[in-house]
């Protein structure tokens, strides 16, 4: 997660990055946004398809991103 936003108003971009890159440094792809100060369960957006793609390629999500993926899977409509 890459921190953006102003002082006392954090916003995080959910990104796919190499583990050797710094937190706010180079990344491969932006797959979502997280607003921690926003109330309710609707405080993040995530491109679930891309997240699952990167996880299938060996990406290891942080604990926070893992919980977002879990919530997004539960909210996604079941496809036959």
Protein backbone atom coordinates (compact mmCIF):
# COMPACT_ATOMS: atom_id res chain seq x y z
CA UNK A 1 0.00 0.00 0.00
CA UNK A 2 1.33 3.38 -1.04
CA UNK A 3 0.46 6.31 1.21
CA UNK A 4 -0.89 9.44 -0.42
CA UNK A 5 -3.09 12.23 0.92
CA UNK A 6 -2.22 15.04 3.26
CA UNK A 7 -1.10 15.24 6.85
CA UNK A 8 -3.78 13.79 9.18
CA UNK A 9 -5.83 12.70 6.14
CA UNK A 10 -4.28 9.46 4.94
CA UNK A 11 -5.33 7.73 1.76
CA UNK A 12 -3.64 4.58 0.52
CA UNK A 13 -3.33 3.27 -3.01
CA UNK A 14 -3.34 -0.50 -3.19
CA UNK A 15 -0.45 -1.35 -5.50
CA UNK A 16 1.48 -4.34 -6.75
CA UNK A 17 5.17 -3.76 -6.09
CA UNK A 18 8.41 -5.66 -5.85
CA UNK A 19 9.33 -6.39 -2.24
CA UNK A 20 12.63 -4.55 -2.70
CA UNK A 21 10.90 -1.28 -3.65
CA UNK A 22 10.28 1.35 -0.95
CA UNK A 23 6.72 1.85 0.35
CA UNK A 24 6.05 4.94 -1.76
CA UNK A 25 8.42 4.00 -4.58
CA UNK A 26 8.17 2.21 -7.88
CA UNK A 27 5.23 -0.15 -8.39
CA UNK A 28 3.95 -2.43 -11.14
CA UNK A 29 0.22 -1.71 -11.07
CA UNK A 30 -2.35 0.19 -9.00
CA UNK A 31 -5.31 -2.06 -8.21
CA UNK A 32 -7.32 -0.07 -5.69
CA UNK A 33 -7.71 2.70 -3.12
CA UNK A 34 -8.26 2.64 0.67
CA UNK A 35 -9.71 5.53 2.72
CA UNK A 36 -9.10 4.58 6.39
CA UNK A 37 -10.97 7.58 7.85
CA UNK A 38 -14.15 6.93 5.88
CA UNK A 39 -16.82 5.31 8.04
CA UNK A 40 -18.48 2.04 7.13
CA UNK A 41 -17.47 -0.97 5.10
CA UNK A 42 -17.34 1.01 1.85
CA UNK A 43 -13.95 2.56 2.55
CA UNK A 44 -12.01 0.77 -0.20
CA UNK A 45 -12.20 -0.04 -3.89
CA UNK A 46 -10.38 -3.01 -5.36
CA UNK A 47 -10.05 -4.47 -8.83
CA UNK A 48 -10.64 -8.04 -7.66
CA UNK A 49 -9.84 -9.59 -11.04
CA UNK A 50 -6.37 -8.01 -11.13
CA UNK A 51 -5.73 -8.77 -7.46
CA UNK A 52 -6.48 -12.46 -8.00
CA UNK A 53 -4.30 -12.44 -11.13
CA UNK A 54 -1.28 -11.12 -9.21
CA UNK A 55 -1.87 -13.51 -6.31
CA UNK A 56 -1.94 -16.39 -8.82
CA UNK A 57 1.43 -15.17 -10.12
CA UNK A 58 2.95 -15.41 -6.63
CA UNK A 59 2.29 -11.97 -5.13
CA UNK A 60 1.96 -11.99 -1.35
CA UNK A 61 -0.65 -9.49 -0.14
CA UNK A 62 -0.27 -7.68 3.15
CA UNK A 63 -2.70 -8.59 5.93
CA UNK A 64 -4.82 -5.51 5.19
CA UNK A 65 -5.00 -6.21 1.46
CA UNK A 66 -5.76 -9.87 2.17
CA UNK A 67 -8.80 -8.80 4.20
CA UNK A 68 -9.91 -6.49 1.34
CA UNK A 69 -9.69 -9.38 -1.13
CA UNK A 70 -11.74 -11.55 1.22
CA UNK A 71 -14.43 -8.84 1.58
CA UNK A 72 -14.48 -8.18 -2.17
CA UNK A 73 -14.91 -11.90 -2.90
CA UNK A 74 -17.86 -12.06 -0.48
CA UNK A 75 -19.48 -9.00 -2.08
CA UNK A 76 -18.90 -10.15 -5.67
CA UNK A 77 -21.90 -11.78 -7.35
CA UNK A 78 -21.53 -15.52 -7.89
CA UNK A 79 -20.89 -16.43 -11.51
CA UNK A 80 -22.37 -19.66 -12.85
